[in-house]
Amino acid sequence: MPIVLWIAHKDQNEDINQHGRVTANWLISLLIYSVICFVLTLIIIGALGFIALGLMNIVFAIVAAVKANKGELWVYPLSFEFFKR
């Protein structure tokens, strides 16, 4: 959903464009981390990684929403930069 909103409104407001880029970077990074955890499930460690990723995703989304509500840009920790800010 955030990606759809970003694509639809990125040209209307630079803040929306920046927040959308940061969120897209996190979602792509999360996908990469999930693939790594999936591979690691073969040696049992991956299950813990999935739990950690789930918790991080929830916490990071809450922090990002609070910061965005205050008008601040928050970059997700551990996120790769695919789209430049």
PDB file of N, CA and C in Angstrom:
ATOM      1  N   MET A   1       0.809  -1.198   0.000  1.00  0.00           N
ATOM      2  CA  MET A   1       0.000   0.000   0.000  1.00  0.00           C
ATOM      3  C   MET A   1       0.856   1.267   0.000  1.00  0.00           C
ATOM      4  N   PRO A   2       1.913   1.363   0.826  1.00  0.00           N
ATOM      5  CA  PRO A   2       2.715   2.590   0.790  1.00  0.00           C
ATOM      6  C   PRO A   2       3.318   2.852  -0.585  1.00  0.00           C
ATOM      7  N   ILE A   3       3.691   1.794  -1.290  1.00  0.00           N
ATOM      8  CA  ILE A   3       4.282   1.959  -2.616  1.00  0.00           C
ATOM      9  C   ILE A   3       3.255   2.555  -3.578  1.00  0.00           C
ATOM     10  N   VAL A   4       2.020   2.079  -3.521  1.00  0.00           N
ATOM     11  CA  VAL A   4       0.967   2.580  -4.402  1.00  0.00           C
ATOM     12  C   VAL A   4       0.707   4.058  -4.125  1.00  0.00           C
ATOM     13  N   LEU A   5       0.620   4.425  -2.854  1.00  0.00           N
ATOM     14  CA  LEU A   5       0.406   5.831  -2.500  1.00  0.00           C
ATOM     15  C   LEU A   5       1.568   6.700  -2.963  1.00  0.00           C
ATOM     16  N   TRP A   6       2.781   6.204  -2.797  1.00  0.00           N
ATOM     17  CA  TRP A   6       3.959   6.954  -3.220  1.00  0.00           C
ATOM     18  C   TRP A   6       3.934   7.191  -4.729  1.00  0.00           C
ATOM     19  N   ILE A   7       3.684   6.145  -5.490  1.00  0.00           N
ATOM     20  CA  ILE A   7       3.664   6.280  -6.948  1.00  0.00           C
ATOM     21  C   ILE A   7       2.560   7.243  -7.392  1.00  0.00           C
ATOM     22  N   ALA A   8       1.421   7.190  -6.734  1.00  0.00           N
ATOM     23  CA  ALA A   8       0.293   8.030  -7.122  1.00  0.00           C
ATOM     24  C   ALA A   8       0.499   9.501  -6.775  1.00  0.00           C
ATOM     25  N   HIS A   9       1.240   9.792  -5.699  1.00  0.00           N
ATOM     26  CA  HIS A   9       1.323  11.168  -5.211  1.00  0.00           C
ATOM     27  C   HIS A   9       2.732  11.742  -5.149  1.00  0.00           C
ATOM     28  N   LYS A  10       3.725  11.040  -5.669  1.00  0.00           N
ATOM     29  CA  LYS A  10       5.108  11.497  -5.520  1.00  0.00           C
ATOM     30  C   LYS A  10       5.391  12.810  -6.236  1.00  0.00           C
ATOM     31  N   ASP A  11       4.649  13.117  -7.285  1.00  0.00           N
ATOM     32  CA  ASP A  11       4.880  14.357  -8.027  1.00  0.00           C
ATOM     33  C   ASP A  11       4.177  15.555  -7.396  1.00  0.00           C
ATOM     34  N   GLN A  12       3.285  15.322  -6.470  1.00  0.00           N
ATOM     35  CA  GLN A  12       2.511  16.397  -5.865  1.00  0.00           C
ATOM     36  C   GLN A  12       3.229  17.076  -4.705  1.00  0.00           C
ATOM     37  N   ASN A  13       4.110  16.331  -4.029  1.00  0.00           N
ATOM     38  CA  ASN A  13       4.728  16.867  -2.820  1.00  0.00           C
ATOM     39  C   ASN A  13       6.085  16.198  -2.629  1.00  0.00           C
ATOM     40  N   GLU A  14       7.128  16.989  -2.421  1.00  0.00           N
ATOM     41  CA  GLU A  14       8.474  16.440  -2.261  1.00  0.00           C
ATOM     42  C   GLU A  14       8.599  15.615  -0.979  1.00  0.00           C
ATOM     43  N   ASP A  15       7.876  15.993   0.075  1.00  0.00           N
ATOM     44  CA  ASP A  15       7.913  15.207   1.317  1.00  0.00           C
ATOM     45  C   ASP A  15       7.360  13.801   1.085  1.00  0.00           C
ATOM     46  N   ILE A  16       6.260  13.715   0.359  1.00  0.00           N
ATOM     47  CA  ILE A  16       5.686  12.404   0.046  1.00  0.00           C
ATOM     48  C   ILE A  16       6.675  11.590  -0.769  1.00  0.00           C
ATOM     49  N   ASN A  17       7.356  12.241  -1.700  1.00  0.00           N
ATOM     50  CA  ASN A  17       8.343  11.548  -2.523  1.00  0.00           C
ATOM     51  C   ASN A  17       9.480  10.997  -1.664  1.00  0.00           C
ATOM     52  N   GLN A  18       9.996  11.801  -0.734  1.00  0.00           N
ATOM     53  CA  GLN A  18      11.093  11.343   0.123  1.00  0.00           C
ATOM     54  C   GLN A  18      10.652  10.209   1.046  1.00  0.00           C
ATOM     55  N   HIS A  19       9.509  10.355   1.674  1.00  0.00           N
ATOM     56  CA  HIS A  19       9.006   9.294   2.563  1.00  0.00           C
ATOM     57  C   HIS A  19       8.753   8.011   1.771  1.00  0.00           C
ATOM     58  N   GLY A  20       8.236   8.141   0.573  1.00  0.00           N
ATOM     59  CA  GLY A  20       7.992   6.975  -0.271  1.00  0.00           C
ATOM     60  C   GLY A  20       9.272   6.261  -0.660  1.00  0.00           C
ATOM     61  N   ARG A  21      10.312   7.028  -0.977  1.00  0.00           N
ATOM     62  CA  ARG A  21      11.600   6.423  -1.333  1.00  0.00           C
ATOM     63  C   ARG A  21      12.188   5.658  -0.147  1.00  0.00           C
ATOM     64  N   VAL A  22      12.118   6.268   1.030  1.00  0.00           N
ATOM     65  CA  VAL A  22      12.653   5.620   2.229  1.00  0.00           C
ATOM     66  C   VAL A  22      11.876   4.336   2.525  1.00  0.00           C
ATOM     67  N   THR A  23      10.560   4.394   2.406  1.00  0.00           N
ATOM     68  CA  THR A  23       9.734   3.215   2.658  1.00  0.00           C
ATOM     69  C   THR A  23       9.992   2.125   1.621  1.00  0.00           C
ATOM     70  N   ALA A  24      10.116   2.510   0.364  1.00  0.00           N
ATOM     71  CA  ALA A  24      10.414   1.528  -0.688  1.00  0.00           C
ATOM     72  C   ALA A  24      11.767   0.872  -0.441  1.00  0.00           C
ATOM     73  N   ASN A  25      12.750   1.669  -0.025  1.00  0.00           N
ATOM     74  CA  ASN A  25      14.064   1.107   0.301  1.00  0.00           C
ATOM     75  C   ASN A  25      13.940   0.064   1.405  1.00  0.00           C
ATOM     76  N   TRP A  26      13.157   0.367   2.434  1.00  0.00           N
ATOM     77  CA  TRP A  26      12.998  -0.578   3.535  1.00  0.00           C
ATOM     78  C   TRP A  26      12.294  -1.852   3.076  1.00  0.00           C
ATOM     79  N   LEU A  27      11.237  -1.706   2.291  1.00  0.00           N
ATOM     80  CA  LEU A  27      10.490  -2.891   1.860  1.00  0.00           C
ATOM     81  C   LEU A  27      11.337  -3.810   0.981  1.00  0.00           C
ATOM     82  N   ILE A  28      12.151  -3.234   0.116  1.00  0.00           N
ATOM     83  CA  ILE A  28      13.042  -4.059  -0.707  1.00  0.00           C
ATOM     84  C   ILE A  28      14.105  -4.714   0.173  1.00  0.00           C
ATOM     85  N   SER A  29      14.643  -3.950   1.127  1.00  0.00           N
ATOM     86  CA  SER A  29      15.628  -4.512   2.059  1.00  0.00           C
ATOM     87  C   SER A  29      15.012  -5.645   2.872  1.00  0.00           C
ATOM     88  N   LEU A  30      13.781  -5.442   3.326  1.00  0.00           N
ATOM     89  CA  LEU A  30      13.075  -6.471   4.093  1.00  0.00           C
ATOM     90  C   LEU A  30      12.899  -7.745   3.266  1.00  0.00           C
ATOM     91  N   LEU A  31      12.610  -7.595   1.991  1.00  0.00           N
ATOM     92  CA  LEU A  31      12.491  -8.756   1.109  1.00  0.00           C
ATOM     93  C   LEU A  31      13.820  -9.503   1.017  1.00  0.00           C
ATOM     94  N   ILE A  32      14.911  -8.768   0.874  1.00  0.00           N
ATOM     95  CA  ILE A  32      16.238  -9.395   0.805  1.00  0.00           C
ATOM     96  C   ILE A  32      16.549 -10.124   2.108  1.00  0.00           C
ATOM     97  N   TYR A  33      16.296  -9.467   3.236  1.00  0.00           N
ATOM     98  CA  TYR A  33      16.533 -10.110   4.533  1.00  0.00           C
ATOM     99  C   TYR A  33      15.660 -11.354   4.703  1.00  0.00           C
ATOM    100  N   SER A  34      14.428 -11.308   4.206  1.00  0.00           N
ATOM    101  CA  SER A  34      13.532 -12.464   4.311  1.00  0.00           C
ATOM    102  C   SER A  34      14.050 -13.648   3.500  1.00  0.00           C
ATOM    103  N   VAL A  35      14.577 -13.376   2.325  1.00  0.00           N
ATOM    104  CA  VAL A  35      15.154 -14.452   1.507  1.00  0.00           C
ATOM    105  C   VAL A  35      16.343 -15.076   2.233  1.00  0.00           C
ATOM    106  N   ILE A  36      17.171 -14.238   2.843  1.00  0.00           N
ATOM    107  CA  ILE A  36      18.320 -14.745   3.606  1.00  0.00           C
ATOM    108  C   ILE A  36      17.836 -15.615   4.768  1.00  0.00           C
ATOM    109  N   CYS A  37      16.819 -15.159   5.486  1.00  0.00           N
ATOM    110  CA  CYS A  37      16.277 -15.948   6.602  1.00  0.00           C
ATOM    111  C   CYS A  37      15.684 -17.260   6.111  1.00  0.00           C
ATOM    112  N   PHE A  38      15.031 -17.222   4.958  1.00  0.00           N
ATOM    113  CA  PHE A  38      14.464 -18.450   4.401  1.00  0.00           C
ATOM    114  C   PHE A  38      15.561 -19.477   4.141  1.00  0.00           C
ATOM    115  N   VAL A  39      16.669 -19.019   3.567  1.00  0.00           N
ATOM    116  CA  VAL A  39      17.796 -19.925   3.315  1.00  0.00           C
ATOM    117  C   VAL A  39      18.358 -20.442   4.637  1.00  0.00           C
ATOM    118  N   LEU A  40      18.428 -19.575   5.636  1.00  0.00           N
ATOM    119  CA  LEU A  40      18.981 -19.970   6.929  1.00  0.00           C
ATOM    120  C   LEU A  40      18.059 -20.892   7.723  1.00  0.00           C
ATOM    121  N   THR A  41      16.796 -21.006   7.321  1.00  0.00           N
ATOM    122  CA  THR A  41      15.914 -21.940   8.033  1.00  0.00           C
ATOM    123  C   THR A  41      16.380 -23.377   7.856  1.00  0.00           C
ATOM    124  N   LEU A  42      17.190 -23.604   6.851  1.00  0.00           N
ATOM    125  CA  LEU A  42      17.737 -24.951   6.657  1.00  0.00           C
ATOM    126  C   LEU A  42      18.647 -25.356   7.811  1.00  0.00           C
ATOM    127  N   ILE A  43      19.206 -24.372   8.513  1.00  0.00           N
ATOM    128  CA  ILE A  43      20.047 -24.684   9.674  1.00  0.00           C
ATOM    129  C   ILE A  43      19.423 -24.130  10.959  1.00  0.00           C
ATOM    130  N   ILE A  44      18.117 -23.961  10.971  1.00  0.00           N
ATOM    131  CA  ILE A  44      17.301 -23.606  12.132  1.00  0.00           C
ATOM    132  C   ILE A  44      17.411 -22.131  12.536  1.00  0.00           C
ATOM    133  N   ILE A  45      18.497 -21.470  12.244  1.00  0.00           N
ATOM    134  CA  ILE A  45      18.690 -20.081  12.683  1.00  0.00           C
ATOM    135  C   ILE A  45      17.707 -19.131  12.013  1.00  0.00           C
ATOM    136  N   GLY A  46      17.273 -19.438  10.808  1.00  0.00           N
ATOM    137  CA  GLY A  46      16.407 -18.548  10.045  1.00  0.00           C
ATOM    138  C   GLY A  46      15.094 -18.230  10.725  1.00  0.00           C
ATOM    139  N   ALA A  47      14.559 -19.168  11.489  1.00  0.00           N
ATOM    140  CA  ALA A  47      13.289 -18.929  12.181  1.00  0.00           C
ATOM    141  C   ALA A  47      13.418 -17.759  13.144  1.00  0.00           C
ATOM    142  N   LEU A  48      14.527 -17.678  13.834  1.00  0.00           N
ATOM    143  CA  LEU A  48      14.759 -16.542  14.733  1.00  0.00           C
ATOM    144  C   LEU A  48      14.880 -15.247  13.944  1.00  0.00           C
ATOM    145  N   GLY A  49      15.477 -15.338  12.771  1.00  0.00           N
ATOM    146  CA  GLY A  49      15.599 -14.166  11.909  1.00  0.00           C
ATOM    147  C   GLY A  49      14.244 -13.650  11.466  1.00  0.00           C
ATOM    148  N   PHE A  50      13.331 -14.564  11.131  1.00  0.00           N
ATOM    149  CA  PHE A  50      11.988 -14.149  10.731  1.00  0.00           C
ATOM    150  C   PHE A  50      11.266 -13.446  11.878  1.00  0.00           C
ATOM    151  N   ILE A  51      11.437 -13.948  13.082  1.00  0.00           N
ATOM    152  CA  ILE A  51      10.822 -13.311  14.251  1.00  0.00           C
ATOM    153  C   ILE A  51      11.396 -11.914  14.444  1.00  0.00           C
ATOM    154  N   ALA A  52      12.713 -11.803  14.352  1.00  0.00           N
ATOM    155  CA  ALA A  52      13.364 -10.499  14.501  1.00  0.00           C
ATOM    156  C   ALA A  52      12.912  -9.538  13.403  1.00  0.00           C
ATOM    157  N   LEU A  53      12.826 -10.012  12.173  1.00  0.00           N
ATOM    158  CA  LEU A  53      12.379  -9.158  11.072  1.00  0.00           C
ATOM    159  C   LEU A  53      10.946  -8.677  11.289  1.00  0.00           C
ATOM    160  N   GLY A  54      10.089  -9.561  11.744  1.00  0.00           N
ATOM    161  CA  GLY A  54       8.707  -9.177  12.005  1.00  0.00           C
ATOM    162  C   GLY A  54       8.599  -8.102  13.069  1.00  0.00           C
ATOM    163  N   LEU A  55       9.336  -8.282  14.155  1.00  0.00           N
ATOM    164  CA  LEU A  55       9.320  -7.283  15.229  1.00  0.00           C
ATOM    165  C   LEU A  55       9.904  -5.953  14.764  1.00  0.00           C
ATOM    166  N   MET A  56      11.027  -6.025  14.032  1.00  0.00           N
ATOM    167  CA  MET A  56      11.634  -4.792  13.523  1.00  0.00           C
ATOM    168  C   MET A  56      10.682  -4.070  12.582  1.00  0.00           C
ATOM    169  N   ASN A  57      10.005  -4.809  11.728  1.00  0.00           N
ATOM    170  CA  ASN A  57       9.094  -4.186  10.777  1.00  0.00           C
ATOM    171  C   ASN A  57       7.965  -3.450  11.494  1.00  0.00           C
ATOM    172  N   ILE A  58       7.422  -4.043  12.534  1.00  0.00           N
ATOM    173  CA  ILE A  58       6.351  -3.401  13.301  1.00  0.00           C
ATOM    174  C   ILE A  58       6.867  -2.152  14.004  1.00  0.00           C
ATOM    175  N   VAL A  59       7.987  -2.282  14.710  1.00  0.00           N
ATOM    176  CA  VAL A  59       8.547  -1.147  15.452  1.00  0.00           C
ATOM    177  C   VAL A  59       8.952  -0.031  14.496  1.00  0.00           C
ATOM    178  N   PHE A  60       9.646  -0.383  13.411  1.00  0.00           N
ATOM    179  CA  PHE A  60      10.094   0.630  12.456  1.00  0.00           C
ATOM    180  C   PHE A  60       8.913   1.353  11.818  1.00  0.00           C
ATOM    181  N   ALA A  61       7.842   0.636  11.505  1.00  0.00           N
ATOM    182  CA  ALA A  61       6.663   1.266  10.902  1.00  0.00           C
ATOM    183  C   ALA A  61       6.018   2.258  11.862  1.00  0.00           C
ATOM    184  N   ILE A  62       5.963   1.907  13.137  1.00  0.00           N
ATOM    185  CA  ILE A  62       5.385   2.816  14.134  1.00  0.00           C
ATOM    186  C   ILE A  62       6.247   4.059  14.282  1.00  0.00           C
ATOM    187  N   VAL A  63       7.558   3.873  14.398  1.00  0.00           N
ATOM    188  CA  VAL A  63       8.467   5.018  14.534  1.00  0.00           C
ATOM    189  C   VAL A  63       8.375   5.912  13.300  1.00  0.00           C
ATOM    190  N   ALA A  64       8.368   5.311  12.115  1.00  0.00           N
ATOM    191  CA  ALA A  64       8.293   6.089  10.874  1.00  0.00           C
ATOM    192  C   ALA A  64       6.982   6.870  10.793  1.00  0.00           C
ATOM    193  N   ALA A  65       5.880   6.263  11.221  1.00  0.00           N
ATOM    194  CA  ALA A  65       4.585   6.944  11.186  1.00  0.00           C
ATOM    195  C   ALA A  65       4.555   8.127  12.147  1.00  0.00           C
ATOM    196  N   VAL A  66       5.104   7.946  13.336  1.00  0.00           N
ATOM    197  CA  VAL A  66       5.142   9.037  14.314  1.00  0.00           C
ATOM    198  C   VAL A  66       6.002  10.184  13.790  1.00  0.00           C
ATOM    199  N   LYS A  67       7.174   9.850  13.245  1.00  0.00           N
ATOM    200  CA  LYS A  67       8.068  10.879  12.700  1.00  0.00           C
ATOM    201  C   LYS A  67       7.414  11.594  11.517  1.00  0.00           C
ATOM    202  N   ALA A  68       6.772  10.844  10.623  1.00  0.00           N
ATOM    203  CA  ALA A  68       6.117  11.454   9.462  1.00  0.00           C
ATOM    204  C   ALA A  68       4.990  12.376   9.903  1.00  0.00           C
ATOM    205  N   ASN A  69       4.274  11.992  10.950  1.00  0.00           N
ATOM    206  CA  ASN A  69       3.206  12.834  11.477  1.00  0.00           C
ATOM    207  C   ASN A  69       3.747  14.160  12.005  1.00  0.00           C
ATOM    208  N   LYS A  70       4.989  14.137  12.494  1.00  0.00           N
ATOM    209  CA  LYS A  70       5.638  15.357  12.982  1.00  0.00           C
ATOM    210  C   LYS A  70       6.323  16.130  11.850  1.00  0.00           C
ATOM    211  N   GLY A  71       6.277  15.586  10.636  1.00  0.00           N
ATOM    212  CA  GLY A  71       6.907  16.235   9.499  1.00  0.00           C
ATOM    213  C   GLY A  71       8.384  15.936   9.358  1.00  0.00           C
ATOM    214  N   GLU A  72       8.860  14.912  10.063  1.00  0.00           N
ATOM    215  CA  GLU A  72      10.275  14.547  10.020  1.00  0.00           C
ATOM    216  C   GLU A  72      10.473  13.330   9.120  1.00  0.00           C
ATOM    217  N   LEU A  73      11.615  13.310   8.438  1.00  0.00           N
ATOM    218  CA  LEU A  73      11.973  12.153   7.621  1.00  0.00           C
ATOM    219  C   LEU A  73      12.809  11.215   8.474  1.00  0.00           C
ATOM    220  N   TRP A  74      12.406   9.957   8.550  1.00  0.00           N
ATOM    221  CA  TRP A  74      13.140   8.957   9.330  1.00  0.00           C
ATOM    222  C   TRP A  74      13.580   7.849   8.402  1.00  0.00           C
ATOM    223  N   VAL A  75      14.870   7.580   8.381  1.00  0.00           N
ATOM    224  CA  VAL A  75      15.420   6.522   7.540  1.00  0.00           C
ATOM    225  C   VAL A  75      15.479   5.238   8.360  1.00  0.00           C
ATOM    226  N   TYR A  76      14.921   4.178   7.808  1.00  0.00           N
ATOM    227  CA  TYR A  76      14.893   2.892   8.497  1.00  0.00           C
ATOM    228  C   TYR A  76      16.317   2.377   8.699  1.00  0.00           C
ATOM    229  N   PRO A  77      16.664   1.971   9.918  1.00  0.00           N
ATOM    230  CA  PRO A  77      17.979   1.353  10.132  1.00  0.00           C
ATOM    231  C   PRO A  77      18.068   0.043   9.344  1.00  0.00           C
ATOM    232  N   LEU A  78      19.252  -0.332   8.958  1.00  0.00           N
ATOM    233  CA  LEU A  78      19.533  -1.575   8.231  1.00  0.00           C
ATOM    234  C   LEU A  78      18.929  -1.599   6.830  1.00  0.00           C
ATOM    235  N   SER A  79      18.527  -0.437   6.331  1.00  0.00           N
ATOM    236  CA  SER A  79      17.908  -0.356   5.016  1.00  0.00           C
ATOM    237  C   SER A  79      18.951  -0.001   3.964  1.00  0.00           C
ATOM    238  N   PHE A  80      18.915  -0.713   2.849  1.00  0.00           N
ATOM    239  CA  PHE A  80      19.795  -0.391   1.726  1.00  0.00           C
ATOM    240  C   PHE A  80      19.181   0.765   0.943  1.00  0.00           C
ATOM    241  N   GLU A  81      20.018   1.551   0.293  1.00  0.00           N
ATOM    242  CA  GLU A  81      19.502   2.699  -0.451  1.00  0.00           C
ATOM    243  C   GLU A  81      19.435   2.367  -1.944  1.00  0.00           C
ATOM    244  N   PHE A  82      18.273   1.925  -2.379  1.00  0.00           N
ATOM    245  CA  PHE A  82      18.041   1.630  -3.791  1.00  0.00           C
ATOM    246  C   PHE A  82      17.579   2.885  -4.518  1.00  0.00           C
ATOM    247  N   PHE A  83      16.746   3.672  -3.837  1.00  0.00           N
ATOM    248  CA  PHE A  83      16.257   4.940  -4.373  1.00  0.00           C
ATOM    249  C   PHE A  83      16.926   6.058  -3.585  1.00  0.00           C
ATOM    250  N   LYS A  84      17.612   6.942  -4.261  1.00  0.00           N
ATOM    251  CA  LYS A  84      18.306   8.051  -3.589  1.00  0.00           C
ATOM    252  C   LYS A  84      17.282   9.035  -3.041  1.00  0.00           C
ATOM    253  N   ARG A  85      17.598   9.579  -1.859  1.00  0.00           N
ATOM    254  CA  ARG A  85      16.711  10.579  -1.254  1.00  0.00           C
ATOM    255  C   ARG A  85      16.956  11.928  -1.823  1.00  0.00           C
TER     256      ARG A  85
END
